[in-house]
Amino acid sequence: MSNHSDAAVEHVGGTTQSFITVWVALLALTGVEVFLAYEQLPTLIMLTALMGLSVIKAALIIGYFMHLKFEKFSLFLTLFPMLVLCILLMMIFMPDSIRAMIMRVQ
């Protein structure tokens, strides 16, 4: 009969330092987003930059604060197709929302 204390138990997780680093990065990215919101940039450039920064922030939050960075790869394979599905649905239904907005103005 083996003793469980003899087996090497490896606990995978983030350290306090890594969480503080991610929090500071999120704070800096939010500062950049606020700065961009006040700048007079072309709309396409500003929205692209804001969306890109938001995706980076979401990935950091999901990876570290929701602890998905430390999960098995199979969980990623479960979540990634749903992300693709959500993006496809937004692309399919977005023209309808724009059409409804145009029809409402008239």
PDB file of N, CA and C in Angstrom:
ATOM      1  N   MET A   1       0.847  -1.169   0.000  1.00  0.00           N
ATOM      2  CA  MET A   1       0.000   0.000   0.000  1.00  0.00           C
ATOM      3  C   MET A   1       0.897   1.239   0.000  1.00  0.00           C
ATOM      4  N   SER A   2       0.645   2.118  -0.959  1.00  0.00           N
ATOM      5  CA  SER A   2       1.512   3.287  -1.061  1.00  0.00           C
ATOM      6  C   SER A   2       0.966   4.419  -0.210  1.00  0.00           C
ATOM      7  N   ASN A   3       1.865   5.190   0.257  1.00  0.00           N
ATOM      8  CA  ASN A   3       1.517   6.346   1.079  1.00  0.00           C
ATOM      9  C   ASN A   3       1.383   7.556   0.165  1.00  0.00           C
ATOM     10  N   HIS A   4       0.288   8.281   0.285  1.00  0.00           N
ATOM     11  CA  HIS A   4       0.058   9.431  -0.584  1.00  0.00           C
ATOM     12  C   HIS A   4       1.055  10.552  -0.331  1.00  0.00           C
ATOM     13  N   SER A   5       1.629  10.603   0.832  1.00  0.00           N
ATOM     14  CA  SER A   5       2.593  11.666   1.107  1.00  0.00           C
ATOM     15  C   SER A   5       3.901  11.434   0.382  1.00  0.00           C
ATOM     16  N   ASP A   6       4.161  10.191  -0.058  1.00  0.00           N
ATOM     17  CA  ASP A   6       5.376   9.911  -0.806  1.00  0.00           C
ATOM     18  C   ASP A   6       5.280  10.398  -2.248  1.00  0.00           C
ATOM     19  N   ALA A   7       4.106  10.429  -2.780  1.00  0.00           N
ATOM     20  CA  ALA A   7       3.922  10.858  -4.169  1.00  0.00           C
ATOM     21  C   ALA A   7       4.078  12.369  -4.258  1.00  0.00           C
ATOM     22  N   ALA A   8       4.711  12.759  -5.331  1.00  0.00           N
ATOM     23  CA  ALA A   8       4.895  14.194  -5.552  1.00  0.00           C
ATOM     24  C   ALA A   8       3.585  14.784  -6.047  1.00  0.00           C
ATOM     25  N   VAL A   9       3.041  15.691  -5.264  1.00  0.00           N
ATOM     26  CA  VAL A   9       1.800  16.346  -5.634  1.00  0.00           C
ATOM     27  C   VAL A   9       2.162  17.715  -6.186  1.00  0.00           C
ATOM     28  N   GLU A  10       1.756  17.925  -7.425  1.00  0.00           N
ATOM     29  CA  GLU A  10       2.069  19.192  -8.072  1.00  0.00           C
ATOM     30  C   GLU A  10       0.791  20.009  -8.211  1.00  0.00           C
ATOM     31  N   HIS A  11       0.774  21.150  -7.560  1.00  0.00           N
ATOM     32  CA  HIS A  11      -0.373  22.047  -7.648  1.00  0.00           C
ATOM     33  C   HIS A  11      -0.022  23.158  -8.618  1.00  0.00           C
ATOM     34  N   VAL A  12      -0.796  23.245  -9.663  1.00  0.00           N
ATOM     35  CA  VAL A  12      -0.530  24.251 -10.674  1.00  0.00           C
ATOM     36  C   VAL A  12      -1.468  25.428 -10.419  1.00  0.00           C
ATOM     37  N   GLY A  13      -0.910  26.597 -10.383  1.00  0.00           N
ATOM     38  CA  GLY A  13      -1.720  27.788 -10.169  1.00  0.00           C
ATOM     39  C   GLY A  13      -0.845  29.015 -10.231  1.00  0.00           C
ATOM     40  N   GLY A  14      -1.497  30.151 -10.214  1.00  0.00           N
ATOM     41  CA  GLY A  14      -0.768  31.406 -10.283  1.00  0.00           C
ATOM     42  C   GLY A  14      -0.250  31.832  -8.923  1.00  0.00           C
ATOM     43  N   THR A  15       0.769  32.637  -8.972  1.00  0.00           N
ATOM     44  CA  THR A  15       1.325  33.194  -7.751  1.00  0.00           C
ATOM     45  C   THR A  15       0.763  34.601  -7.558  1.00  0.00           C
ATOM     46  N   THR A  16       0.932  35.110  -6.374  1.00  0.00           N
ATOM     47  CA  THR A  16       0.462  36.466  -6.098  1.00  0.00           C
ATOM     48  C   THR A  16       1.166  37.464  -7.005  1.00  0.00           C
ATOM     49  N   GLN A  17       2.436  37.255  -7.251  1.00  0.00           N
ATOM     50  CA  GLN A  17       3.196  38.159  -8.127  1.00  0.00           C
ATOM     51  C   GLN A  17       2.638  38.156  -9.545  1.00  0.00           C
ATOM     52  N   SER A  18       2.269  36.979 -10.059  1.00  0.00           N
ATOM     53  CA  SER A  18       1.721  36.924 -11.416  1.00  0.00           C
ATOM     54  C   SER A  18       0.362  37.616 -11.487  1.00  0.00           C
ATOM     55  N   PHE A  19      -0.456  37.472 -10.436  1.00  0.00           N
ATOM     56  CA  PHE A  19      -1.753  38.147 -10.430  1.00  0.00           C
ATOM     57  C   PHE A  19      -1.588  39.662 -10.353  1.00  0.00           C
ATOM     58  N   ILE A  20      -0.631  40.141  -9.596  1.00  0.00           N
ATOM     59  CA  ILE A  20      -0.373  41.576  -9.501  1.00  0.00           C
ATOM     60  C   ILE A  20       0.125  42.101 -10.847  1.00  0.00           C
ATOM     61  N   THR A  21       0.992  41.339 -11.507  1.00  0.00           N
ATOM     62  CA  THR A  21       1.506  41.741 -12.817  1.00  0.00           C
ATOM     63  C   THR A  21       0.378  41.835 -13.836  1.00  0.00           C
ATOM     64  N   VAL A  22      -0.511  40.848 -13.832  1.00  0.00           N
ATOM     65  CA  VAL A  22      -1.646  40.862 -14.758  1.00  0.00           C
ATOM     66  C   VAL A  22      -2.567  42.032 -14.431  1.00  0.00           C
ATOM     67  N   TRP A  23      -2.794  42.298 -13.157  1.00  0.00           N
ATOM     68  CA  TRP A  23      -3.657  43.416 -12.758  1.00  0.00           C
ATOM     69  C   TRP A  23      -3.075  44.740 -13.229  1.00  0.00           C
ATOM     70  N   VAL A  24      -1.766  44.921 -13.082  1.00  0.00           N
ATOM     71  CA  VAL A  24      -1.111  46.158 -13.540  1.00  0.00           C
ATOM     72  C   VAL A  24      -1.212  46.266 -15.068  1.00  0.00           C
ATOM     73  N   ALA A  25      -1.050  45.137 -15.769  1.00  0.00           N
ATOM     74  CA  ALA A  25      -1.183  45.153 -17.227  1.00  0.00           C
ATOM     75  C   ALA A  25      -2.602  45.528 -17.636  1.00  0.00           C
ATOM     76  N   LEU A  26      -3.592  44.994 -16.934  1.00  0.00           N
ATOM     77  CA  LEU A  26      -4.982  45.341 -17.223  1.00  0.00           C
ATOM     78  C   LEU A  26      -5.248  46.823 -16.953  1.00  0.00           C
ATOM     79  N   LEU A  27      -4.675  47.332 -15.882  1.00  0.00           N
ATOM     80  CA  LEU A  27      -4.821  48.745 -15.558  1.00  0.00           C
ATOM     81  C   LEU A  27      -4.189  49.617 -16.640  1.00  0.00           C
ATOM     82  N   ALA A  28      -3.018  49.225 -17.117  1.00  0.00           N
ATOM     83  CA  ALA A  28      -2.342  49.983 -18.175  1.00  0.00           C
ATOM     84  C   ALA A  28      -3.140  49.937 -19.478  1.00  0.00           C
ATOM     85  N   LEU A  29      -3.661  48.767 -19.832  1.00  0.00           N
ATOM     86  CA  LEU A  29      -4.463  48.647 -21.050  1.00  0.00           C
ATOM     87  C   LEU A  29      -5.734  49.490 -20.950  1.00  0.00           C
ATOM     88  N   THR A  30      -6.340  49.536 -19.778  1.00  0.00           N
ATOM     89  CA  THR A  30      -7.523  50.375 -19.578  1.00  0.00           C
ATOM     90  C   THR A  30      -7.160  51.846 -19.728  1.00  0.00           C
ATOM     91  N   GLY A  31      -6.005  52.233 -19.219  1.00  0.00           N
ATOM     92  CA  GLY A  31      -5.541  53.610 -19.384  1.00  0.00           C
ATOM     93  C   GLY A  31      -5.348  53.970 -20.844  1.00  0.00           C
ATOM     94  N   VAL A  32      -4.797  53.043 -21.623  1.00  0.00           N
ATOM     95  CA  VAL A  32      -4.620  53.277 -23.062  1.00  0.00           C
ATOM     96  C   VAL A  32      -5.985  53.413 -23.735  1.00  0.00           C
ATOM     97  N   GLU A  33      -6.943  52.570 -23.336  1.00  0.00           N
ATOM     98  CA  GLU A  33      -8.286  52.659 -23.911  1.00  0.00           C
ATOM     99  C   GLU A  33      -8.947  54.002 -23.602  1.00  0.00           C
ATOM    100  N   VAL A  34      -8.814  54.468 -22.380  1.00  0.00           N
ATOM    101  CA  VAL A  34      -9.395  55.765 -22.009  1.00  0.00           C
ATOM    102  C   VAL A  34      -8.712  56.883 -22.790  1.00  0.00           C
ATOM    103  N   PHE A  35      -7.396  56.806 -22.931  1.00  0.00           N
ATOM    104  CA  PHE A  35      -6.651  57.806 -23.700  1.00  0.00           C
ATOM    105  C   PHE A  35      -7.133  57.828 -25.146  1.00  0.00           C
ATOM    106  N   LEU A  36      -7.302  56.641 -25.750  1.00  0.00           N
ATOM    107  CA  LEU A  36      -7.760  56.569 -27.140  1.00  0.00           C
ATOM    108  C   LEU A  36      -9.180  57.115 -27.298  1.00  0.00           C
ATOM    109  N   ALA A  37      -9.991  56.954 -26.276  1.00  0.00           N
ATOM    110  CA  ALA A  37     -11.370  57.452 -26.351  1.00  0.00           C
ATOM    111  C   ALA A  37     -11.407  58.973 -26.438  1.00  0.00           C
ATOM    112  N   TYR A  38     -10.429  59.653 -25.874  1.00  0.00           N
ATOM    113  CA  TYR A  38     -10.394  61.114 -25.902  1.00  0.00           C
ATOM    114  C   TYR A  38      -9.624  61.675 -27.098  1.00  0.00           C
ATOM    115  N   GLU A  39      -8.907  60.846 -27.815  1.00  0.00           N
ATOM    116  CA  GLU A  39      -8.142  61.308 -28.974  1.00  0.00           C
ATOM    117  C   GLU A  39      -9.057  61.438 -30.188  1.00  0.00           C
ATOM    118  N   GLN A  40      -8.694  62.309 -31.087  1.00  0.00           N
ATOM    119  CA  GLN A  40      -9.459  62.518 -32.313  1.00  0.00           C
ATOM    120  C   GLN A  40      -8.856  61.670 -33.434  1.00  0.00           C
ATOM    121  N   LEU A  41      -9.064  60.356 -33.334  1.00  0.00           N
ATOM    122  CA  LEU A  41      -8.569  59.427 -34.349  1.00  0.00           C
ATOM    123  C   LEU A  41      -9.694  59.072 -35.307  1.00  0.00           C
ATOM    124  N   PRO A  42      -9.338  58.629 -36.512  1.00  0.00           N
ATOM    125  CA  PRO A  42     -10.392  58.121 -37.404  1.00  0.00           C
ATOM    126  C   PRO A  42     -11.138  56.961 -36.722  1.00  0.00           C
ATOM    127  N   THR A  43     -12.437  56.894 -36.968  1.00  0.00           N
ATOM    128  CA  THR A  43     -13.289  55.939 -36.260  1.00  0.00           C
ATOM    129  C   THR A  43     -12.822  54.503 -36.453  1.00  0.00           C
ATOM    130  N   LEU A  44     -12.470  54.119 -37.669  1.00  0.00           N
ATOM    131  CA  LEU A  44     -12.065  52.741 -37.936  1.00  0.00           C
ATOM    132  C   LEU A  44     -10.807  52.370 -37.162  1.00  0.00           C
ATOM    133  N   ILE A  45      -9.841  53.263 -37.123  1.00  0.00           N
ATOM    134  CA  ILE A  45      -8.596  52.993 -36.396  1.00  0.00           C
ATOM    135  C   ILE A  45      -8.865  52.902 -34.902  1.00  0.00           C
ATOM    136  N   MET A  46      -9.662  53.829 -34.388  1.00  0.00           N
ATOM    137  CA  MET A  46      -9.949  53.829 -32.956  1.00  0.00           C
ATOM    138  C   MET A  46     -10.710  52.573 -32.545  1.00  0.00           C
ATOM    139  N   LEU A  47     -11.746  52.210 -33.301  1.00  0.00           N
ATOM    140  CA  LEU A  47     -12.528  51.029 -32.944  1.00  0.00           C
ATOM    141  C   LEU A  47     -11.712  49.749 -33.072  1.00  0.00           C
ATOM    142  N   THR A  48     -10.854  49.676 -34.078  1.00  0.00           N
ATOM    143  CA  THR A  48      -9.993  48.496 -34.228  1.00  0.00           C
ATOM    144  C   THR A  48      -9.034  48.383 -33.055  1.00  0.00           C
ATOM    145  N   ALA A  49      -8.442  49.498 -32.671  1.00  0.00           N
ATOM    146  CA  ALA A  49      -7.518  49.483 -31.527  1.00  0.00           C
ATOM    147  C   ALA A  49      -8.243  49.122 -30.231  1.00  0.00           C
ATOM    148  N   LEU A  50      -9.416  49.699 -30.023  1.00  0.00           N
ATOM    149  CA  LEU A  50     -10.178  49.404 -28.802  1.00  0.00           C
ATOM    150  C   LEU A  50     -10.625  47.944 -28.759  1.00  0.00           C
ATOM    151  N   MET A  51     -11.052  47.410 -29.887  1.00  0.00           N
ATOM    152  CA  MET A  51     -11.457  45.999 -29.922  1.00  0.00           C
ATOM    153  C   MET A  51     -10.264  45.083 -29.680  1.00  0.00           C
ATOM    154  N   GLY A  52      -9.121  45.418 -30.272  1.00  0.00           N
ATOM    155  CA  GLY A  52      -7.921  44.615 -30.055  1.00  0.00           C
ATOM    156  C   GLY A  52      -7.487  44.623 -28.595  1.00  0.00           C
ATOM    157  N   LEU A  53      -7.491  45.801 -27.991  1.00  0.00           N
ATOM    158  CA  LEU A  53      -7.130  45.900 -26.572  1.00  0.00           C
ATOM    159  C   LEU A  53      -8.137  45.159 -25.696  1.00  0.00           C
ATOM    160  N   SER A  54      -9.403  45.209 -26.062  1.00  0.00           N
ATOM    161  CA  SER A  54     -10.423  44.504 -25.278  1.00  0.00           C
ATOM    162  C   SER A  54     -10.244  42.988 -25.368  1.00  0.00           C
ATOM    163  N   VAL A  55      -9.871  42.503 -26.525  1.00  0.00           N
ATOM    164  CA  VAL A  55      -9.627  41.061 -26.675  1.00  0.00           C
ATOM    165  C   VAL A  55      -8.434  40.636 -25.830  1.00  0.00           C
ATOM    166  N   ILE A  56      -7.386  41.456 -25.821  1.00  0.00           N
ATOM    167  CA  ILE A  56      -6.215  41.146 -24.991  1.00  0.00           C
ATOM    168  C   ILE A  56      -6.593  41.136 -23.515  1.00  0.00           C
ATOM    169  N   LYS A  57      -7.370  42.131 -23.104  1.00  0.00           N
ATOM    170  CA  LYS A  57      -7.801  42.186 -21.703  1.00  0.00           C
ATOM    171  C   LYS A  57      -8.674  40.984 -21.347  1.00  0.00           C
ATOM    172  N   ALA A  58      -9.577  40.612 -22.238  1.00  0.00           N
ATOM    173  CA  ALA A  58     -10.440  39.455 -21.977  1.00  0.00           C
ATOM    174  C   ALA A  58      -9.614  38.179 -21.854  1.00  0.00           C
ATOM    175  N   ALA A  59      -8.612  38.030 -22.707  1.00  0.00           N
ATOM    176  CA  ALA A  59      -7.757  36.846 -22.641  1.00  0.00           C
ATOM    177  C   ALA A  59      -6.990  36.793 -21.315  1.00  0.00           C
ATOM    178  N   LEU A  60      -6.489  37.937 -20.852  1.00  0.00           N
ATOM    179  CA  LEU A  60      -5.791  37.969 -19.566  1.00  0.00           C
ATOM    180  C   LEU A  60      -6.732  37.629 -18.410  1.00  0.00           C
ATOM    181  N   ILE A  61      -7.927  38.182 -18.445  1.00  0.00           N
ATOM    182  CA  ILE A  61      -8.889  37.911 -17.368  1.00  0.00           C
ATOM    183  C   ILE A  61      -9.294  36.450 -17.363  1.00  0.00           C
ATOM    184  N   ILE A  62      -9.603  35.920 -18.541  1.00  0.00           N
ATOM    185  CA  ILE A  62     -10.003  34.517 -18.622  1.00  0.00           C
ATOM    186  C   ILE A  62      -8.851  33.604 -18.227  1.00  0.00           C
ATOM    187  N   GLY A  63      -7.660  33.926 -18.696  1.00  0.00           N
ATOM    188  CA  GLY A  63      -6.514  33.062 -18.432  1.00  0.00           C
ATOM    189  C   GLY A  63      -6.082  33.038 -16.980  1.00  0.00           C
ATOM    190  N   TYR A  64      -6.029  34.185 -16.344  1.00  0.00           N
ATOM    191  CA  TYR A  64      -5.477  34.245 -14.982  1.00  0.00           C
ATOM    192  C   TYR A  64      -6.551  34.287 -13.898  1.00  0.00           C
ATOM    193  N   PHE A  65      -7.504  35.215 -14.015  1.00  0.00           N
ATOM    194  CA  PHE A  65      -8.455  35.378 -12.923  1.00  0.00           C
ATOM    195  C   PHE A  65      -9.551  34.314 -12.928  1.00  0.00           C
ATOM    196  N   MET A  66      -9.819  33.735 -14.105  1.00  0.00           N
ATOM    197  CA  MET A  66     -10.770  32.622 -14.159  1.00  0.00           C
ATOM    198  C   MET A  66     -10.022  31.288 -14.169  1.00  0.00           C
ATOM    199  N   HIS A  67      -8.706  31.347 -14.058  1.00  0.00           N
ATOM    200  CA  HIS A  67      -7.821  30.184 -13.909  1.00  0.00           C
ATOM    201  C   HIS A  67      -7.879  29.220 -15.084  1.00  0.00           C
ATOM    202  N   LEU A  68      -8.265  29.673 -16.256  1.00  0.00           N
ATOM    203  CA  LEU A  68      -8.301  28.778 -17.403  1.00  0.00           C
ATOM    204  C   LEU A  68      -6.917  28.535 -17.987  1.00  0.00           C
ATOM    205  N   LYS A  69      -5.958  29.366 -17.651  1.00  0.00           N
ATOM    206  CA  LYS A  69      -4.586  29.149 -18.112  1.00  0.00           C
ATOM    207  C   LYS A  69      -4.029  27.852 -17.536  1.00  0.00           C
ATOM    208  N   PHE A  70      -4.544  27.467 -16.400  1.00  0.00           N
ATOM    209  CA  PHE A  70      -4.015  26.305 -15.704  1.00  0.00           C
ATOM    210  C   PHE A  70      -4.868  25.055 -15.929  1.00  0.00           C
ATOM    211  N   GLU A  71      -5.878  25.162 -16.793  1.00  0.00           N
ATOM    212  CA  GLU A  71      -6.743  24.020 -17.074  1.00  0.00           C
ATOM    213  C   GLU A  71      -6.145  23.158 -18.174  1.00  0.00           C
ATOM    214  N   LYS A  72      -6.776  22.022 -18.376  1.00  0.00           N
ATOM    215  CA  LYS A  72      -6.316  21.108 -19.413  1.00  0.00           C
ATOM    216  C   LYS A  72      -6.663  21.659 -20.794  1.00  0.00           C
ATOM    217  N   PHE A  73      -5.956  21.165 -21.784  1.00  0.00           N
ATOM    218  CA  PHE A  73      -6.153  21.608 -23.162  1.00  0.00           C
ATOM    219  C   PHE A  73      -7.547  21.241 -23.668  1.00  0.00           C
ATOM    220  N   SER A  74      -8.130  20.195 -23.133  1.00  0.00           N
ATOM    221  CA  SER A  74      -9.466  19.779 -23.581  1.00  0.00           C
ATOM    222  C   SER A  74     -10.515  20.844 -23.264  1.00  0.00           C
ATOM    223  N   LEU A  75     -10.320  21.583 -22.183  1.00  0.00           N
ATOM    224  CA  LEU A  75     -11.245  22.665 -21.869  1.00  0.00           C
ATOM    225  C   LEU A  75     -11.170  23.754 -22.933  1.00  0.00           C
ATOM    226  N   PHE A  76      -9.971  24.043 -23.397  1.00  0.00           N
ATOM    227  CA  PHE A  76      -9.793  25.008 -24.478  1.00  0.00           C
ATOM    228  C   PHE A  76     -10.512  24.532 -25.736  1.00  0.00           C
ATOM    229  N   LEU A  77     -10.372  23.249 -26.026  1.00  0.00           N
ATOM    230  CA  LEU A  77     -11.029  22.713 -27.208  1.00  0.00           C
ATOM    231  C   LEU A  77     -12.546  22.726 -27.080  1.00  0.00           C
ATOM    232  N   THR A  78     -13.040  22.799 -25.887  1.00  0.00           N
ATOM    233  CA  THR A  78     -14.475  22.912 -25.669  1.00  0.00           C
ATOM    234  C   THR A  78     -14.932  24.357 -25.838  1.00  0.00           C
ATOM    235  N   LEU A  79     -14.154  25.301 -25.347  1.00  0.00           N
ATOM    236  CA  LEU A  79     -14.560  26.706 -25.368  1.00  0.00           C
ATOM    237  C   LEU A  79     -14.301  27.405 -26.705  1.00  0.00           C
ATOM    238  N   PHE A  80     -13.247  27.026 -27.411  1.00  0.00           N
ATOM    239  CA  PHE A  80     -12.876  27.727 -28.637  1.00  0.00           C
ATOM    240  C   PHE A  80     -13.951  27.630 -29.720  1.00  0.00           C
ATOM    241  N   PRO A  81     -14.540  26.463 -29.964  1.00  0.00           N
ATOM    242  CA  PRO A  81     -15.620  26.427 -30.975  1.00  0.00           C
ATOM    243  C   PRO A  81     -16.799  27.329 -30.616  1.00  0.00           C
ATOM    244  N   MET A  82     -17.083  27.488 -29.328  1.00  0.00           N
ATOM    245  CA  MET A  82     -18.177  28.380 -28.936  1.00  0.00           C
ATOM    246  C   MET A  82     -17.827  29.841 -29.224  1.00  0.00           C
ATOM    247  N   LEU A  83     -16.570  30.198 -29.067  1.00  0.00           N
ATOM    248  CA  LEU A  83     -16.127  31.545 -29.419  1.00  0.00           C
ATOM    249  C   LEU A  83     -16.319  31.787 -30.908  1.00  0.00           C
ATOM    250  N   VAL A  84     -15.919  30.815 -31.717  1.00  0.00           N
ATOM    251  CA  VAL A  84     -16.085  30.932 -33.167  1.00  0.00           C
ATOM    252  C   VAL A  84     -17.560  31.045 -33.516  1.00  0.00           C
ATOM    253  N   LEU A  85     -18.404  30.252 -32.877  1.00  0.00           N
ATOM    254  CA  LEU A  85     -19.838  30.309 -33.129  1.00  0.00           C
ATOM    255  C   LEU A  85     -20.406  31.690 -32.780  1.00  0.00           C
ATOM    256  N   CYS A  86     -20.005  32.246 -31.645  1.00  0.00           N
ATOM    257  CA  CYS A  86     -20.491  33.571 -31.249  1.00  0.00           C
ATOM    258  C   CYS A  86     -20.074  34.635 -32.254  1.00  0.00           C
ATOM    259  N   ILE A  87     -18.848  34.574 -32.719  1.00  0.00           N
ATOM    260  CA  ILE A  87     -18.369  35.547 -33.700  1.00  0.00           C
ATOM    261  C   ILE A  87     -19.143  35.403 -35.009  1.00  0.00           C
ATOM    262  N   LEU A  88     -19.364  34.163 -35.444  1.00  0.00           N
ATOM    263  CA  LEU A  88     -20.131  33.945 -36.673  1.00  0.00           C
ATOM    264  C   LEU A  88     -21.563  34.457 -36.538  1.00  0.00           C
ATOM    265  N   LEU A  89     -22.188  34.211 -35.393  1.00  0.00           N
ATOM    266  CA  LEU A  89     -23.549  34.696 -35.186  1.00  0.00           C
ATOM    267  C   LEU A  89     -23.608  36.220 -35.208  1.00  0.00           C
ATOM    268  N   MET A  90     -22.607  36.865 -34.608  1.00  0.00           N
ATOM    269  CA  MET A  90     -22.579  38.332 -34.649  1.00  0.00           C
ATOM    270  C   MET A  90     -22.431  38.826 -36.085  1.00  0.00           C
ATOM    271  N   MET A  91     -21.586  38.161 -36.866  1.00  0.00           N
ATOM    272  CA  MET A  91     -21.395  38.570 -38.248  1.00  0.00           C
ATOM    273  C   MET A  91     -22.656  38.335 -39.082  1.00  0.00           C
ATOM    274  N   ILE A  92     -23.406  37.291 -38.756  1.00  0.00           N
ATOM    275  CA  ILE A  92     -24.625  36.997 -39.511  1.00  0.00           C
ATOM    276  C   ILE A  92     -25.733  37.993 -39.176  1.00  0.00           C
ATOM    277  N   PHE A  93     -25.903  38.317 -37.888  1.00  0.00           N
ATOM    278  CA  PHE A  93     -27.022  39.144 -37.476  1.00  0.00           C
ATOM    279  C   PHE A  93     -26.725  40.639 -37.434  1.00  0.00           C
ATOM    280  N   MET A  94     -25.476  41.048 -37.539  1.00  0.00           N
ATOM    281  CA  MET A  94     -25.138  42.472 -37.503  1.00  0.00           C
ATOM    282  C   MET A  94     -25.770  43.253 -38.654  1.00  0.00           C
ATOM    283  N   PRO A  95     -25.787  42.735 -39.893  1.00  0.00           N
ATOM    284  CA  PRO A  95     -26.447  43.494 -40.969  1.00  0.00           C
ATOM    285  C   PRO A  95     -27.926  43.756 -40.680  1.00  0.00           C
ATOM    286  N   ASP A  96     -28.606  42.821 -40.026  1.00  0.00           N
ATOM    287  CA  ASP A  96     -30.008  43.044 -39.681  1.00  0.00           C
ATOM    288  C   ASP A  96     -30.169  44.196 -38.700  1.00  0.00           C
ATOM    289  N   SER A  97     -29.255  44.292 -37.748  1.00  0.00           N
ATOM    290  CA  SER A  97     -29.368  45.385 -36.780  1.00  0.00           C
ATOM    291  C   SER A  97     -29.102  46.731 -37.438  1.00  0.00           C
ATOM    292  N   ILE A  98     -28.180  46.768 -38.387  1.00  0.00           N
ATOM    293  CA  ILE A  98     -27.902  48.014 -39.103  1.00  0.00           C
ATOM    294  C   ILE A  98     -29.097  48.387 -39.975  1.00  0.00           C
ATOM    295  N   ARG A  99     -29.690  47.394 -40.632  1.00  0.00           N
ATOM    296  CA  ARG A  99     -30.860  47.651 -41.471  1.00  0.00           C
ATOM    297  C   ARG A  99     -32.022  48.170 -40.625  1.00  0.00           C
ATOM    298  N   ALA A 100     -32.216  47.578 -39.450  1.00  0.00           N
ATOM    299  CA  ALA A 100     -33.297  48.031 -38.573  1.00  0.00           C
ATOM    300  C   ALA A 100     -33.051  49.457 -38.110  1.00  0.00           C
ATOM    301  N   MET A 101     -31.801  49.816 -37.847  1.00  0.00           N
ATOM    302  CA  MET A 101     -31.477  51.173 -37.419  1.00  0.00           C
ATOM    303  C   MET A 101     -31.764  52.170 -38.554  1.00  0.00           C
ATOM    304  N   ILE A 102     -31.429  51.811 -39.779  1.00  0.00           N
ATOM    305  CA  ILE A 102     -31.675  52.693 -40.924  1.00  0.00           C
ATOM    306  C   ILE A 102     -33.173  52.853 -41.148  1.00  0.00           C
ATOM    307  N   MET A 103     -33.901  51.761 -41.024  1.00  0.00           N
ATOM    308  CA  MET A 103     -35.351  51.827 -41.243  1.00  0.00           C
ATOM    309  C   MET A 103     -36.036  52.673 -40.161  1.00  0.00           C
ATOM    310  N   ARG A 104     -35.514  52.671 -38.969  1.00  0.00           N
ATOM    311  CA  ARG A 104     -36.096  53.427 -37.869  1.00  0.00           C
ATOM    312  C   ARG A 104     -35.928  54.931 -38.077  1.00  0.00           C
ATOM    313  N   VAL A 105     -34.831  55.344 -38.696  1.00  0.00           N
ATOM    314  CA  VAL A 105     -34.554  56.760 -38.885  1.00  0.00           C
ATOM    315  C   VAL A 105     -35.534  57.373 -39.880  1.00  0.00           C
ATOM    316  N   GLN A 106     -35.950  56.654 -40.866  1.00  0.00           N
ATOM    317  CA  GLN A 106     -36.815  57.207 -41.913  1.00  0.00           C
ATOM    318  C   GLN A 106     -38.157  57.484 -41.435  1.00  0.00           C
TER     319      GLN A 106
END
